[in-house]
Amino acid sequence: MVTGGSSGIGAAIVKTLADAGTNVILHYGHKQQAATAIAEKIGQDKCYLLQANLAEKNAAVKL
């Protein structure tokens, strides 16, 4: 699972893991469009999206 995987370093890590053949859980907070675009590019069978706002107290429970 890569937290913050919809942009920046997190997105680069997601892409690198997927290129290596790993299935990835991509966590995003607010950037659903960006996360979906990455998942579609990688293949939704290899990239599972998970949304949670980690600034919220109980968000970790959701993860």
Protein backbone atom coordinates (compact mmCIF):
# COMPACT_ATOMS: atom_id res chain seq x y z
CA MET A 1 0.00 0.00 0.00
CA VAL A 2 1.32 3.39 -0.99
CA THR A 3 -0.16 6.33 0.92
CA GLY A 4 -0.42 9.53 -1.10
CA GLY A 5 -0.11 7.50 -4.27
CA SER A 6 -2.07 9.84 -6.50
CA SER A 7 0.70 12.38 -7.03
CA GLY A 8 4.37 13.19 -6.62
CA ILE A 9 6.70 10.65 -5.05
CA GLY A 10 3.79 8.39 -4.09
CA ALA A 11 2.65 8.15 -7.72
CA ALA A 12 6.20 7.39 -8.83
CA ILE A 13 6.41 4.59 -6.25
CA VAL A 14 3.08 3.15 -7.41
CA LYS A 15 4.26 3.15 -11.04
CA THR A 16 7.62 1.60 -10.13
CA LEU A 17 5.99 -1.19 -8.13
CA ALA A 18 3.49 -1.89 -10.91
CA ASP A 19 6.27 -1.95 -13.51
CA ALA A 20 7.99 -4.58 -11.36
CA GLY A 21 4.85 -6.74 -11.52
CA THR A 22 3.51 -6.00 -8.04
CA ASN A 23 -0.17 -5.49 -7.30
CA VAL A 24 -0.58 -2.12 -5.60
CA ILE A 25 -3.05 -0.53 -3.21
CA LEU A 26 -3.05 3.18 -4.02
CA HIS A 27 -4.28 5.35 -1.16
CA TYR A 28 -5.46 8.86 -1.94
CA GLY A 29 -6.99 11.57 0.17
CA HIS A 30 -8.69 14.00 -2.17
CA LYS A 31 -7.29 13.46 -5.68
CA GLN A 32 -9.73 10.84 -6.96
CA GLN A 33 -9.34 11.83 -10.62
CA ALA A 34 -5.56 11.53 -10.45
CA ALA A 35 -5.76 8.21 -8.59
CA THR A 36 -8.24 6.81 -11.10
CA ALA A 37 -6.07 7.88 -14.03
CA ILE A 38 -3.06 6.08 -12.54
CA ALA A 39 -5.11 2.95 -11.87
CA GLU A 40 -6.45 2.95 -15.43
CA LYS A 41 -2.96 3.36 -16.86
CA ILE A 42 -1.53 0.55 -14.72
CA GLY A 43 -4.58 -1.67 -15.07
CA GLN A 44 -7.36 -1.81 -12.52
CA ASP A 45 -6.69 -5.51 -12.01
CA LYS A 46 -3.23 -4.59 -10.60
CA CYS A 47 -4.08 -1.34 -8.80
CA TYR A 48 -6.73 -1.11 -6.08
CA LEU A 49 -7.86 2.38 -4.99
CA LEU A 50 -8.51 3.24 -1.37
CA GLN A 51 -9.69 6.68 -0.22
CA ALA A 52 -9.19 8.01 3.31
CA ASN A 53 -8.44 11.46 4.70
CA LEU A 54 -5.57 10.66 7.06
CA ALA A 55 -5.96 14.05 8.74
CA GLU A 56 -9.14 12.70 10.34
CA LYS A 57 -8.79 10.93 13.68
CA ASN A 58 -10.50 7.64 12.73
CA ALA A 59 -9.28 7.44 9.12
CA ALA A 60 -6.73 4.74 9.92
CA VAL A 61 -9.57 2.43 10.95
CA LYS A 62 -11.00 2.78 7.46
CA LEU A 63 -7.68 1.74 5.94
